[in-house]
Amino acid sequence: MEIRLRGHVANKGKAEGEALTSYKPFSFLQAEVSNGMVYQPGHEFHGKSIKDKVLVYATGCGPAGYHLFVLKNSIAAPKAIINLMPTYQQVGDAISAEIPMMYGFDINLFELIQTGDWVTIDADEGIISVKKKS
């Protein structure tokens, strides 16, 4: 089964990959530059790598500077980002790292997209497709 939805575009581009989902805010400063592993105790991403994932999380938290850009250049960044409501800093970071980013959906993303689902993001057209994991 494939689900399609429309959202707002923060940064254009296309990508697809396995979803990594968290209800909690996230800061890219918590991800290791070498492999994308997250070390933030109590967070759903703790002990998991964000590398090549489509990240689905509530919003950003804390300053991240240009850490997403550094992750991208070290090949440890996510393929795309989907938020409920991004911070201005997150949008700027996604643009500088050239990572597709969408936000602002009329449905509860966390009920629709779970970790392990396959997500295709077409931020040029403002469309997300979700294939549920088996």
C-alpha atoms as a PDB file:
ATOM      1  CA  MET A   1       0.000   0.000   0.000  1.00  0.00           C
ATOM      2  CA  GLU A   2       1.306   3.451  -0.933  1.00  0.00           C
ATOM      3  CA  ILE A   3       0.133   6.648   0.718  1.00  0.00           C
ATOM      4  CA  ARG A   4       0.650  10.064  -0.919  1.00  0.00           C
ATOM      5  CA  LEU A   5       0.405  13.444   0.750  1.00  0.00           C
ATOM      6  CA  ARG A   6       1.162  17.066   0.056  1.00  0.00           C
ATOM      7  CA  GLY A   7       3.094  19.465   2.240  1.00  0.00           C
ATOM      8  CA  HIS A   8       5.014  22.696   2.222  1.00  0.00           C
ATOM      9  CA  VAL A   9       8.491  22.811   0.691  1.00  0.00           C
ATOM     10  CA  ALA A  10      11.382  24.204   2.736  1.00  0.00           C
ATOM     11  CA  ASN A  11      14.065  23.071   0.264  1.00  0.00           C
ATOM     12  CA  LYS A  12      13.544  21.541  -3.150  1.00  0.00           C
ATOM     13  CA  GLY A  13      14.956  18.246  -4.332  1.00  0.00           C
ATOM     14  CA  LYS A  14      14.132  14.561  -4.601  1.00  0.00           C
ATOM     15  CA  ALA A  15      15.218  11.624  -2.477  1.00  0.00           C
ATOM     16  CA  GLU A  16      14.026   8.289  -1.164  1.00  0.00           C
ATOM     17  CA  GLY A  17      15.000   6.010   1.645  1.00  0.00           C
ATOM     18  CA  GLU A  18      14.040   4.272   4.844  1.00  0.00           C
ATOM     19  CA  ALA A  19      12.268   6.450   7.403  1.00  0.00           C
ATOM     20  CA  LEU A  20      13.735   7.126  10.828  1.00  0.00           C
ATOM     21  CA  THR A  21      10.972   8.655  12.944  1.00  0.00           C
ATOM     22  CA  SER A  22      10.936  10.493  16.277  1.00  0.00           C
ATOM     23  CA  TYR A  23       8.246  12.409  18.139  1.00  0.00           C
ATOM     24  CA  LYS A  24      10.963  14.486  19.814  1.00  0.00           C
ATOM     25  CA  PRO A  25      12.898  17.540  18.613  1.00  0.00           C
ATOM     26  CA  PHE A  26      16.364  16.756  17.241  1.00  0.00           C
ATOM     27  CA  SER A  27      19.676  18.575  16.864  1.00  0.00           C
ATOM     28  CA  PHE A  28      22.194  17.500  14.235  1.00  0.00           C
ATOM     29  CA  LEU A  29      24.940  18.247  16.776  1.00  0.00           C
ATOM     30  CA  GLN A  30      23.970  14.899  18.347  1.00  0.00           C
ATOM     31  CA  ALA A  31      25.099  12.990  15.223  1.00  0.00           C
ATOM     32  CA  GLU A  32      28.657  11.757  14.720  1.00  0.00           C
ATOM     33  CA  VAL A  33      30.301  13.226  11.630  1.00  0.00           C
ATOM     34  CA  SER A  34      32.044   9.958  10.752  1.00  0.00           C
ATOM     35  CA  ASN A  35      28.980   7.693  10.546  1.00  0.00           C
ATOM     36  CA  GLY A  36      25.807   9.616  11.443  1.00  0.00           C
ATOM     37  CA  MET A  37      25.309   7.707  14.720  1.00  0.00           C
ATOM     38  CA  VAL A  38      23.201   9.594  17.244  1.00  0.00           C
ATOM     39  CA  TYR A  39      24.227   9.678  20.897  1.00  0.00           C
ATOM     40  CA  GLN A  40      21.385  11.435  22.687  1.00  0.00           C
ATOM     41  CA  PRO A  41      20.164   9.349  25.639  1.00  0.00           C
ATOM     42  CA  GLY A  42      16.387   9.063  25.812  1.00  0.00           C
ATOM     43  CA  HIS A  43      15.893   9.994  22.162  1.00  0.00           C
ATOM     44  CA  GLU A  44      14.364   7.569  19.628  1.00  0.00           C
ATOM     45  CA  PHE A  45      17.408   8.136  17.381  1.00  0.00           C
ATOM     46  CA  HIS A  46      19.885   7.142  20.137  1.00  0.00           C
ATOM     47  CA  GLY A  47      22.186   4.376  18.897  1.00  0.00           C
ATOM     48  CA  LYS A  48      20.923   4.685  15.315  1.00  0.00           C
ATOM     49  CA  SER A  49      22.540   6.243  12.275  1.00  0.00           C
ATOM     50  CA  ILE A  50      20.824   9.053  10.366  1.00  0.00           C
ATOM     51  CA  LYS A  51      23.037   8.357   7.357  1.00  0.00           C
ATOM     52  CA  ASP A  52      20.979   7.889   4.171  1.00  0.00           C
ATOM     53  CA  LYS A  53      17.668   7.941   6.096  1.00  0.00           C
ATOM     54  CA  VAL A  54      14.614  10.090   5.538  1.00  0.00           C
ATOM     55  CA  LEU A  55      14.340  11.774   8.918  1.00  0.00           C
ATOM     56  CA  VAL A  56      10.844  12.423  10.228  1.00  0.00           C
ATOM     57  CA  TYR A  57      10.799  14.407  13.472  1.00  0.00           C
ATOM     58  CA  ALA A  58       8.900  17.200  15.186  1.00  0.00           C
ATOM     59  CA  THR A  59      11.323  20.138  14.939  1.00  0.00           C
ATOM     60  CA  GLY A  60      14.879  21.192  15.640  1.00  0.00           C
ATOM     61  CA  CYS A  61      16.326  22.107  19.007  1.00  0.00           C
ATOM     62  CA  GLY A  62      19.360  24.075  20.024  1.00  0.00           C
ATOM     63  CA  PRO A  63      21.956  25.598  17.736  1.00  0.00           C
ATOM     64  CA  ALA A  64      23.320  23.314  15.038  1.00  0.00           C
ATOM     65  CA  GLY A  65      25.498  25.824  13.213  1.00  0.00           C
ATOM     66  CA  TYR A  66      26.605  24.252   9.989  1.00  0.00           C
ATOM     67  CA  HIS A  67      26.712  20.686  11.329  1.00  0.00           C
ATOM     68  CA  LEU A  68      24.267  19.343   8.739  1.00  0.00           C
ATOM     69  CA  PHE A  69      26.535  20.717   6.001  1.00  0.00           C
ATOM     70  CA  VAL A  70      29.512  18.968   7.648  1.00  0.00           C
ATOM     71  CA  LEU A  71      27.529  15.713   7.848  1.00  0.00           C
ATOM     72  CA  LYS A  72      26.688  16.015   4.148  1.00  0.00           C
ATOM     73  CA  ASN A  73      30.327  16.537   3.192  1.00  0.00           C
ATOM     74  CA  SER A  74      31.446  13.574   5.303  1.00  0.00           C
ATOM     75  CA  ILE A  75      28.737  11.403   3.658  1.00  0.00           C
ATOM     76  CA  ALA A  76      26.905  10.842   6.963  1.00  0.00           C
ATOM     77  CA  ALA A  77      23.830  13.031   6.362  1.00  0.00           C
ATOM     78  CA  PRO A  78      20.203  12.025   5.893  1.00  0.00           C
ATOM     79  CA  LYS A  79      18.788  11.905   2.361  1.00  0.00           C
ATOM     80  CA  ALA A  80      15.786  14.094   3.251  1.00  0.00           C
ATOM     81  CA  ILE A  81      14.075  15.787   6.195  1.00  0.00           C
ATOM     82  CA  ILE A  82      10.370  15.922   7.039  1.00  0.00           C
ATOM     83  CA  ASN A  83       9.196  18.077   9.983  1.00  0.00           C
ATOM     84  CA  LEU A  84       6.011  19.198  11.581  1.00  0.00           C
ATOM     85  CA  MET A  85       7.419  22.734  11.894  1.00  0.00           C
ATOM     86  CA  PRO A  86      11.094  23.424  11.154  1.00  0.00           C
ATOM     87  CA  THR A  87      13.135  26.206  12.698  1.00  0.00           C
ATOM     88  CA  TYR A  88      14.594  28.879  10.446  1.00  0.00           C
ATOM     89  CA  GLN A  89      18.048  27.496  11.222  1.00  0.00           C
ATOM     90  CA  GLN A  90      17.028  24.007  10.069  1.00  0.00           C
ATOM     91  CA  VAL A  91      15.714  25.346   6.782  1.00  0.00           C
ATOM     92  CA  GLY A  92      18.945  27.279   6.194  1.00  0.00           C
ATOM     93  CA  ASP A  93      20.994  24.195   7.072  1.00  0.00           C
ATOM     94  CA  ALA A  94      18.987  22.013   4.660  1.00  0.00           C
ATOM     95  CA  ILE A  95      19.453  24.574   1.894  1.00  0.00           C
ATOM     96  CA  SER A  96      23.208  24.874   2.452  1.00  0.00           C
ATOM     97  CA  ALA A  97      23.567  21.069   2.577  1.00  0.00           C
ATOM     98  CA  GLU A  98      21.277  20.648  -0.468  1.00  0.00           C
ATOM     99  CA  ILE A  99      18.988  18.218   1.355  1.00  0.00           C
ATOM    100  CA  PRO A 100      15.288  18.109   0.378  1.00  0.00           C
ATOM    101  CA  MET A 101      13.033  19.250   3.214  1.00  0.00           C
ATOM    102  CA  MET A 102       9.263  19.413   3.659  1.00  0.00           C
ATOM    103  CA  TYR A 103       6.963  20.374   6.528  1.00  0.00           C
ATOM    104  CA  GLY A 104       3.441  21.418   7.497  1.00  0.00           C
ATOM    105  CA  PHE A 105       1.109  18.505   6.881  1.00  0.00           C
ATOM    106  CA  ASP A 106      -2.604  18.383   7.721  1.00  0.00           C
ATOM    107  CA  ILE A 107      -2.333  14.920   9.245  1.00  0.00           C
ATOM    108  CA  ASN A 108      -0.377  13.389  12.102  1.00  0.00           C
ATOM    109  CA  LEU A 109       2.859  12.317  10.402  1.00  0.00           C
ATOM    110  CA  PHE A 110       3.779  10.043  13.292  1.00  0.00           C
ATOM    111  CA  GLU A 111       0.657   7.944  12.801  1.00  0.00           C
ATOM    112  CA  LEU A 112       1.376   7.699   9.084  1.00  0.00           C
ATOM    113  CA  ILE A 113       5.173   7.250   8.893  1.00  0.00           C
ATOM    114  CA  GLN A 114       6.999   4.831  11.174  1.00  0.00           C
ATOM    115  CA  THR A 115      10.653   3.877  11.304  1.00  0.00           C
ATOM    116  CA  GLY A 116      11.342   1.365   8.550  1.00  0.00           C
ATOM    117  CA  ASP A 117       8.737   2.634   6.083  1.00  0.00           C
ATOM    118  CA  TRP A 118      10.053   3.540   2.600  1.00  0.00           C
ATOM    119  CA  VAL A 119       9.577   7.239   1.886  1.00  0.00           C
ATOM    120  CA  THR A 120       9.957   9.053  -1.420  1.00  0.00           C
ATOM    121  CA  ILE A 121      10.109  12.830  -1.192  1.00  0.00           C
ATOM    122  CA  ASP A 122       9.583  15.027  -4.232  1.00  0.00           C
ATOM    123  CA  ALA A 123      10.092  18.480  -2.777  1.00  0.00           C
ATOM    124  CA  ASP A 124      10.064  19.949  -6.286  1.00  0.00           C
ATOM    125  CA  GLU A 125       6.341  19.106  -6.469  1.00  0.00           C
ATOM    126  CA  GLY A 126       5.591  19.081  -2.707  1.00  0.00           C
ATOM    127  CA  ILE A 127       4.639  15.382  -2.600  1.00  0.00           C
ATOM    128  CA  ILE A 128       5.627  12.577  -0.243  1.00  0.00           C
ATOM    129  CA  SER A 129       4.888   8.890  -0.950  1.00  0.00           C
ATOM    130  CA  VAL A 130       5.027   6.318   1.838  1.00  0.00           C
ATOM    131  CA  LYS A 131       5.235   2.552   1.383  1.00  0.00           C
ATOM    132  CA  LYS A 132       4.512   0.804   4.665  1.00  0.00           C
ATOM    133  CA  LYS A 133       7.038  -1.773   5.828  1.00  0.00           C
ATOM    134  CA  SER A 134       5.838  -5.345   5.739  1.00  0.00           C
END
